[in-house]
Amino acid sequence: MTLYYTLVFVLLMAEMAMFGLLILPLPYSMKRGLFTFISENPVVAKIQYWMKITFVFILILFIDSVNRVYRVQVELALASDGGKNGPAAVMGHERLEVQARKFYSQRNMYLCGFTLFLSLILNRTYVMIIDIMHLEDRVRAAEVTSSTKSKGKGKEGAPASEKDAAEVQRLRAELEAKDRDIETLKKQADGLSREYDALCEKYGETQKVEPKKVK
């Protein structure tokens, strides 16, 4: 791979490690400290700014790789029609070279596409975890308020206590929905990782066979 595609691969590995860290079942106090550091640290904010610019360049590489895949597909189709509708048919090692270029173009397209898609999953997971932490804070505050009011006596305390209990139930339902969304994102990321591993295995097999056929 060229240098910039190697950097894209390194970024993909970093995204996978970050996603694993986000979904790691850490204690609440540790998780809160980690996300508070990420959301408030100015250095992290600068890194996020430059990462957005980096993803713009990766998007450009992705568009370019899609264009290359299309052009190689057209070239391979012209080579496969026996020269009836285009130039003379490409034979032997030249055809293998076209097929190798097709695979490299597809590899670059998948690499950039996976990196962009995982960045969206990573950002969505981060936002959802922040929302869950805010909901947990509200649930705890509502539970404290409800338990405090339930200890009091009098007619005015009962409606307030029922209202707080209903608020706690609503917040718990929102937490469960957020948890289900995170599980869905986790499954999507796992599927993405499996697809990329399969592509890497296919690439490794091609690397073993290609030197014997292509000069």
C-alpha atoms as a PDB file:
ATOM      1  CA  MET A   1       0.000   0.000   0.000  1.00  0.00           C
ATOM      2  CA  THR A   2       1.019   3.585  -0.562  1.00  0.00           C
ATOM      3  CA  LEU A   3       1.784   5.847   2.385  1.00  0.00           C
ATOM      4  CA  TYR A   4      -1.617   7.536   2.565  1.00  0.00           C
ATOM      5  CA  TYR A   5      -3.509   4.250   2.406  1.00  0.00           C
ATOM      6  CA  THR A   6      -1.219   2.898   5.123  1.00  0.00           C
ATOM      7  CA  LEU A   7      -2.167   5.919   7.261  1.00  0.00           C
ATOM      8  CA  VAL A   8      -5.840   5.219   6.552  1.00  0.00           C
ATOM      9  CA  PHE A   9      -5.308   1.632   7.721  1.00  0.00           C
ATOM     10  CA  VAL A  10      -3.633   2.854  10.923  1.00  0.00           C
ATOM     11  CA  LEU A  11      -6.565   5.210  11.497  1.00  0.00           C
ATOM     12  CA  LEU A  12      -8.996   2.316  11.006  1.00  0.00           C
ATOM     13  CA  MET A  13      -7.161   0.263  13.637  1.00  0.00           C
ATOM     14  CA  ALA A  14      -7.218   3.264  16.001  1.00  0.00           C
ATOM     15  CA  GLU A  15     -10.975   3.644  15.461  1.00  0.00           C
ATOM     16  CA  MET A  16     -11.541  -0.025  16.249  1.00  0.00           C
ATOM     17  CA  ALA A  17      -9.496   0.308  19.454  1.00  0.00           C
ATOM     18  CA  MET A  18     -11.414   3.455  20.433  1.00  0.00           C
ATOM     19  CA  PHE A  19     -14.743   1.760  19.774  1.00  0.00           C
ATOM     20  CA  GLY A  20     -13.683  -1.163  21.957  1.00  0.00           C
ATOM     21  CA  LEU A  21     -12.768   1.307  24.715  1.00  0.00           C
ATOM     22  CA  LEU A  22     -16.139   3.068  24.456  1.00  0.00           C
ATOM     23  CA  ILE A  23     -18.171  -0.129  24.836  1.00  0.00           C
ATOM     24  CA  LEU A  24     -15.922  -1.516  27.566  1.00  0.00           C
ATOM     25  CA  PRO A  25     -17.994  -2.080  30.758  1.00  0.00           C
ATOM     26  CA  LEU A  26     -16.157   0.338  33.043  1.00  0.00           C
ATOM     27  CA  PRO A  27     -17.343   1.459  36.497  1.00  0.00           C
ATOM     28  CA  TYR A  28     -19.598   4.502  36.382  1.00  0.00           C
ATOM     29  CA  SER A  29     -17.135   6.816  38.150  1.00  0.00           C
ATOM     30  CA  MET A  30     -14.283   5.803  35.852  1.00  0.00           C
ATOM     31  CA  LYS A  31     -16.441   6.122  32.743  1.00  0.00           C
ATOM     32  CA  ARG A  32     -17.688   9.522  33.841  1.00  0.00           C
ATOM     33  CA  GLY A  33     -14.143  10.754  34.430  1.00  0.00           C
ATOM     34  CA  LEU A  34     -13.011   9.446  31.040  1.00  0.00           C
ATOM     35  CA  PHE A  35     -15.827  11.077  29.096  1.00  0.00           C
ATOM     36  CA  THR A  36     -15.530  14.301  31.067  1.00  0.00           C
ATOM     37  CA  PHE A  37     -11.849  14.415  30.100  1.00  0.00           C
ATOM     38  CA  ILE A  38     -12.659  13.735  26.430  1.00  0.00           C
ATOM     39  CA  SER A  39     -15.428  16.343  26.238  1.00  0.00           C
ATOM     40  CA  GLU A  40     -13.646  19.123  28.144  1.00  0.00           C
ATOM     41  CA  ASN A  41      -9.953  18.726  27.326  1.00  0.00           C
ATOM     42  CA  PRO A  42      -8.804  21.387  24.788  1.00  0.00           C
ATOM     43  CA  VAL A  43      -6.137  19.103  23.301  1.00  0.00           C
ATOM     44  CA  VAL A  44      -8.779  16.466  22.529  1.00  0.00           C
ATOM     45  CA  ALA A  45     -10.928  19.165  20.953  1.00  0.00           C
ATOM     46  CA  LYS A  46      -8.061  20.151  18.629  1.00  0.00           C
ATOM     47  CA  ILE A  47      -7.476  16.503  17.729  1.00  0.00           C
ATOM     48  CA  GLN A  48     -11.170  16.119  16.882  1.00  0.00           C
ATOM     49  CA  TYR A  49     -10.978  19.221  14.675  1.00  0.00           C
ATOM     50  CA  TRP A  50      -8.032  17.878  12.693  1.00  0.00           C
ATOM     51  CA  MET A  51      -9.654  14.456  12.492  1.00  0.00           C
ATOM     52  CA  LYS A  52     -12.659  16.022  10.760  1.00  0.00           C
ATOM     53  CA  ILE A  53     -10.305  17.496   8.158  1.00  0.00           C
ATOM     54  CA  THR A  54      -8.613  14.097   7.814  1.00  0.00           C
ATOM     55  CA  PHE A  55     -11.944  12.414   7.154  1.00  0.00           C
ATOM     56  CA  VAL A  56     -12.614  14.908   4.370  1.00  0.00           C
ATOM     57  CA  PHE A  57      -9.417  13.720   2.659  1.00  0.00           C
ATOM     58  CA  ILE A  58     -10.407  10.097   3.266  1.00  0.00           C
ATOM     59  CA  LEU A  59     -13.750  10.835   1.626  1.00  0.00           C
ATOM     60  CA  ILE A  60     -11.867  12.196  -1.391  1.00  0.00           C
ATOM     61  CA  LEU A  61      -9.761   9.008  -1.487  1.00  0.00           C
ATOM     62  CA  PHE A  62     -12.930   6.943  -1.264  1.00  0.00           C
ATOM     63  CA  ILE A  63     -14.498   8.759  -4.214  1.00  0.00           C
ATOM     64  CA  ASP A  64     -11.282   8.356  -6.198  1.00  0.00           C
ATOM     65  CA  SER A  65     -11.121   4.627  -5.397  1.00  0.00           C
ATOM     66  CA  VAL A  66     -14.745   4.163  -6.494  1.00  0.00           C
ATOM     67  CA  ASN A  67     -13.895   5.909  -9.758  1.00  0.00           C
ATOM     68  CA  ARG A  68     -10.874   3.638 -10.234  1.00  0.00           C
ATOM     69  CA  VAL A  69     -12.970   0.545  -9.584  1.00  0.00           C
ATOM     70  CA  TYR A  70     -15.457   1.678 -12.215  1.00  0.00           C
ATOM     71  CA  ARG A  71     -12.733   2.340 -14.780  1.00  0.00           C
ATOM     72  CA  VAL A  72     -11.064  -1.025 -14.155  1.00  0.00           C
ATOM     73  CA  GLN A  73     -14.440  -2.753 -14.452  1.00  0.00           C
ATOM     74  CA  VAL A  74     -14.978  -1.101 -17.826  1.00  0.00           C
ATOM     75  CA  GLU A  75     -11.468  -2.041 -18.954  1.00  0.00           C
ATOM     76  CA  LEU A  76     -11.965  -5.631 -17.828  1.00  0.00           C
ATOM     77  CA  ALA A  77     -15.308  -5.823 -19.602  1.00  0.00           C
ATOM     78  CA  LEU A  78     -13.720  -4.594 -22.844  1.00  0.00           C
ATOM     79  CA  ALA A  79     -10.972  -7.157 -22.434  1.00  0.00           C
ATOM     80  CA  SER A  80     -13.500  -9.945 -21.927  1.00  0.00           C
ATOM     81  CA  ASP A  81     -15.626  -9.324 -25.034  1.00  0.00           C
ATOM     82  CA  GLY A  82     -12.984 -10.750 -27.372  1.00  0.00           C
ATOM     83  CA  GLY A  83     -12.297  -7.438 -29.073  1.00  0.00           C
ATOM     84  CA  LYS A  84     -15.730  -7.327 -30.753  1.00  0.00           C
ATOM     85  CA  ASN A  85     -16.861  -4.043 -29.217  1.00  0.00           C
ATOM     86  CA  GLY A  86     -13.556  -2.459 -28.340  1.00  0.00           C
ATOM     87  CA  PRO A  87      -9.804  -2.772 -28.596  1.00  0.00           C
ATOM     88  CA  ALA A  88      -8.022  -6.069 -29.075  1.00  0.00           C
ATOM     89  CA  ALA A  89      -8.567  -8.510 -26.288  1.00  0.00           C
ATOM     90  CA  VAL A  90      -6.074  -8.418 -23.433  1.00  0.00           C
ATOM     91  CA  MET A  91      -4.448 -11.799 -23.001  1.00  0.00           C
ATOM     92  CA  GLY A  92      -2.123 -13.593 -20.602  1.00  0.00           C
ATOM     93  CA  HIS A  93      -0.248 -11.607 -18.012  1.00  0.00           C
ATOM     94  CA  GLU A  94      -1.873  -8.340 -19.172  1.00  0.00           C
ATOM     95  CA  ARG A  95      -5.291  -9.665 -18.178  1.00  0.00           C
ATOM     96  CA  LEU A  96      -3.920 -10.770 -14.814  1.00  0.00           C
ATOM     97  CA  GLU A  97      -2.503  -7.284 -14.350  1.00  0.00           C
ATOM     98  CA  VAL A  98      -5.929  -5.759 -14.977  1.00  0.00           C
ATOM     99  CA  GLN A  99      -7.489  -8.150 -12.466  1.00  0.00           C
ATOM    100  CA  ALA A 100      -4.820  -7.256  -9.917  1.00  0.00           C
ATOM    101  CA  ARG A 101      -5.520  -3.556 -10.450  1.00  0.00           C
ATOM    102  CA  LYS A 102      -9.221  -4.298  -9.969  1.00  0.00           C
ATOM    103  CA  PHE A 103      -8.541  -5.998  -6.650  1.00  0.00           C
ATOM    104  CA  TYR A 104      -6.244  -3.204  -5.421  1.00  0.00           C
ATOM    105  CA  SER A 105      -8.867  -0.612  -6.348  1.00  0.00           C
ATOM    106  CA  GLN A 106     -11.548  -2.575  -4.503  1.00  0.00           C
ATOM    107  CA  ARG A 107      -9.259  -2.971  -1.502  1.00  0.00           C
ATOM    108  CA  ASN A 108      -8.689   0.780  -1.342  1.00  0.00           C
ATOM    109  CA  MET A 109     -12.409   1.428  -1.741  1.00  0.00           C
ATOM    110  CA  TYR A 110     -13.299  -0.960   1.096  1.00  0.00           C
ATOM    111  CA  LEU A 111     -10.530   0.430   3.313  1.00  0.00           C
ATOM    112  CA  CYS A 112     -11.689   4.030   2.936  1.00  0.00           C
ATOM    113  CA  GLY A 113     -15.359   3.054   3.119  1.00  0.00           C
ATOM    114  CA  PHE A 114     -14.907   1.030   6.309  1.00  0.00           C
ATOM    115  CA  THR A 115     -12.931   3.871   7.893  1.00  0.00           C
ATOM    116  CA  LEU A 116     -15.622   6.434   7.096  1.00  0.00           C
ATOM    117  CA  PHE A 117     -18.462   4.154   8.189  1.00  0.00           C
ATOM    118  CA  LEU A 118     -16.745   3.255  11.465  1.00  0.00           C
ATOM    119  CA  SER A 119     -16.124   6.955  12.160  1.00  0.00           C
ATOM    120  CA  LEU A 120     -19.890   7.536  11.944  1.00  0.00           C
ATOM    121  CA  ILE A 121     -20.551   4.600  14.286  1.00  0.00           C
ATOM    122  CA  LEU A 122     -17.879   5.854  16.674  1.00  0.00           C
ATOM    123  CA  ASN A 123     -19.311   9.367  16.768  1.00  0.00           C
ATOM    124  CA  ARG A 124     -22.871   8.080  17.232  1.00  0.00           C
ATOM    125  CA  THR A 125     -21.788   5.734  20.036  1.00  0.00           C
ATOM    126  CA  TYR A 126     -19.960   8.559  21.810  1.00  0.00           C
ATOM    127  CA  VAL A 127     -23.010  10.850  21.638  1.00  0.00           C
ATOM    128  CA  MET A 128     -25.318   8.095  22.864  1.00  0.00           C
ATOM    129  CA  ILE A 129     -23.061   7.244  25.813  1.00  0.00           C
ATOM    130  CA  ILE A 130     -22.987  10.925  26.804  1.00  0.00           C
ATOM    131  CA  ASP A 131     -26.815  10.975  26.632  1.00  0.00           C
ATOM    132  CA  ILE A 132     -26.977   7.815  28.753  1.00  0.00           C
ATOM    133  CA  MET A 133     -24.735   9.368  31.387  1.00  0.00           C
ATOM    134  CA  HIS A 134     -26.964  12.459  31.532  1.00  0.00           C
ATOM    135  CA  LEU A 135     -30.038  10.242  31.830  1.00  0.00           C
ATOM    136  CA  GLU A 136     -28.409   8.251  34.629  1.00  0.00           C
ATOM    137  CA  ASP A 137     -27.702  11.485  36.491  1.00  0.00           C
ATOM    138  CA  ARG A 138     -31.332  12.552  36.081  1.00  0.00           C
ATOM    139  CA  VAL A 139     -32.584   9.142  37.225  1.00  0.00           C
ATOM    140  CA  ARG A 140     -30.440   9.269  40.343  1.00  0.00           C
ATOM    141  CA  ALA A 141     -31.543  12.818  41.102  1.00  0.00           C
ATOM    142  CA  ALA A 142     -35.198  11.863  40.578  1.00  0.00           C
ATOM    143  CA  GLU A 143     -34.821   8.803  42.807  1.00  0.00           C
ATOM    144  CA  VAL A 144     -33.256  10.901  45.566  1.00  0.00           C
ATOM    145  CA  THR A 145     -36.033  13.477  45.284  1.00  0.00           C
ATOM    146  CA  SER A 146     -38.706  10.779  45.258  1.00  0.00           C
ATOM    147  CA  SER A 147     -37.289   9.014  48.307  1.00  0.00           C
ATOM    148  CA  THR A 148     -36.962  12.314  50.151  1.00  0.00           C
ATOM    149  CA  LYS A 149     -40.544  13.330  49.438  1.00  0.00           C
ATOM    150  CA  SER A 150     -41.877   9.872  50.241  1.00  0.00           C
ATOM    151  CA  LYS A 151     -40.548  10.209  53.775  1.00  0.00           C
ATOM    152  CA  GLY A 152     -42.641  13.306  54.349  1.00  0.00           C
ATOM    153  CA  LYS A 153     -46.216  13.213  55.553  1.00  0.00           C
ATOM    154  CA  GLY A 154     -49.293  15.023  54.367  1.00  0.00           C
ATOM    155  CA  LYS A 155     -51.657  15.030  51.444  1.00  0.00           C
ATOM    156  CA  GLU A 156     -49.477  17.201  49.229  1.00  0.00           C
ATOM    157  CA  GLY A 157     -46.608  14.717  49.316  1.00  0.00           C
ATOM    158  CA  ALA A 158     -48.414  11.840  47.596  1.00  0.00           C
ATOM    159  CA  PRO A 159     -49.032  13.411  44.153  1.00  0.00           C
ATOM    160  CA  ALA A 160     -45.474  14.720  44.022  1.00  0.00           C
ATOM    161  CA  SER A 161     -44.128  11.283  44.873  1.00  0.00           C
ATOM    162  CA  GLU A 162     -46.227   9.636  42.154  1.00  0.00           C
ATOM    163  CA  LYS A 163     -45.051  12.250  39.659  1.00  0.00           C
ATOM    164  CA  ASP A 164     -41.419  11.606  40.542  1.00  0.00           C
ATOM    165  CA  ALA A 165     -41.925   7.851  40.222  1.00  0.00           C
ATOM    166  CA  ALA A 166     -43.431   8.317  36.773  1.00  0.00           C
ATOM    167  CA  GLU A 167     -40.466  10.501  35.794  1.00  0.00           C
ATOM    168  CA  VAL A 168     -38.063   7.808  36.992  1.00  0.00           C
ATOM    169  CA  GLN A 169     -39.890   5.173  34.940  1.00  0.00           C
ATOM    170  CA  ARG A 170     -39.773   7.391  31.847  1.00  0.00           C
ATOM    171  CA  LEU A 171     -36.060   8.000  32.252  1.00  0.00           C
ATOM    172  CA  ARG A 172     -35.412   4.293  32.750  1.00  0.00           C
ATOM    173  CA  ALA A 173     -37.297   3.540  29.537  1.00  0.00           C
ATOM    174  CA  GLU A 174     -35.105   6.059  27.700  1.00  0.00           C
ATOM    175  CA  LEU A 175     -31.995   4.405  29.160  1.00  0.00           C
ATOM    176  CA  GLU A 176     -33.128   0.992  27.941  1.00  0.00           C
ATOM    177  CA  ALA A 177     -33.748   2.394  24.455  1.00  0.00           C
ATOM    178  CA  LYS A 178     -30.257   3.941  24.384  1.00  0.00           C
ATOM    179  CA  ASP A 179     -28.740   0.639  25.515  1.00  0.00           C
ATOM    180  CA  ARG A 180     -30.512  -1.194  22.689  1.00  0.00           C
ATOM    181  CA  ASP A 181     -29.216   1.359  20.182  1.00  0.00           C
ATOM    182  CA  ILE A 182     -25.648   0.886  21.423  1.00  0.00           C
ATOM    183  CA  GLU A 183     -25.998  -2.899  21.111  1.00  0.00           C
ATOM    184  CA  THR A 184     -27.175  -2.423  17.525  1.00  0.00           C
ATOM    185  CA  LEU A 185     -24.157  -0.229  16.749  1.00  0.00           C
ATOM    186  CA  LYS A 186     -21.892  -2.811  18.371  1.00  0.00           C
ATOM    187  CA  LYS A 187     -23.287  -5.547  16.105  1.00  0.00           C
ATOM    188  CA  GLN A 188     -22.776  -3.325  13.053  1.00  0.00           C
ATOM    189  CA  ALA A 189     -19.162  -2.664  14.035  1.00  0.00           C
ATOM    190  CA  ASP A 190     -18.552  -6.392  14.607  1.00  0.00           C
ATOM    191  CA  GLY A 191     -19.942  -7.155  11.152  1.00  0.00           C
ATOM    192  CA  LEU A 192     -17.721  -4.466   9.685  1.00  0.00           C
ATOM    193  CA  SER A 193     -14.684  -5.984  11.379  1.00  0.00           C
ATOM    194  CA  ARG A 194     -15.510  -9.460  10.052  1.00  0.00           C
ATOM    195  CA  GLU A 195     -15.924  -8.120   6.509  1.00  0.00           C
ATOM    196  CA  TYR A 196     -12.558  -6.378   6.676  1.00  0.00           C
ATOM    197  CA  ASP A 197     -10.850  -9.491   8.063  1.00  0.00           C
ATOM    198  CA  ALA A 198     -12.262 -11.509   5.157  1.00  0.00           C
ATOM    199  CA  LEU A 199     -10.951  -8.892   2.728  1.00  0.00           C
ATOM    200  CA  CYS A 200      -7.501  -9.033   4.351  1.00  0.00           C
ATOM    201  CA  GLU A 201      -7.430 -12.824   4.001  1.00  0.00           C
ATOM    202  CA  LYS A 202      -8.393 -12.533   0.344  1.00  0.00           C
ATOM    203  CA  TYR A 203      -5.671  -9.947  -0.161  1.00  0.00           C
ATOM    204  CA  GLY A 204      -3.113 -12.227   1.488  1.00  0.00           C
ATOM    205  CA  GLU A 205      -4.047 -15.106  -0.798  1.00  0.00           C
ATOM    206  CA  THR A 206      -3.714 -12.813  -3.827  1.00  0.00           C
ATOM    207  CA  GLN A 207      -0.262 -11.702  -2.683  1.00  0.00           C
ATOM    208  CA  LYS A 208       0.864 -15.335  -2.504  1.00  0.00           C
ATOM    209  CA  VAL A 209      -0.376 -16.211  -5.984  1.00  0.00           C
ATOM    210  CA  GLU A 210       0.349 -13.007  -7.901  1.00  0.00           C
ATOM    211  CA  PRO A 211       4.196 -13.128  -8.084  1.00  0.00           C
ATOM    212  CA  LYS A 212       4.032 -16.426  -9.961  1.00  0.00           C
ATOM    213  CA  LYS A 213       1.734 -15.051 -12.674  1.00  0.00           C
ATOM    214  CA  VAL A 214       2.580 -11.400 -13.051  1.00  0.00           C
ATOM    215  CA  LYS A 215       6.004 -10.261 -14.119  1.00  0.00           C
END
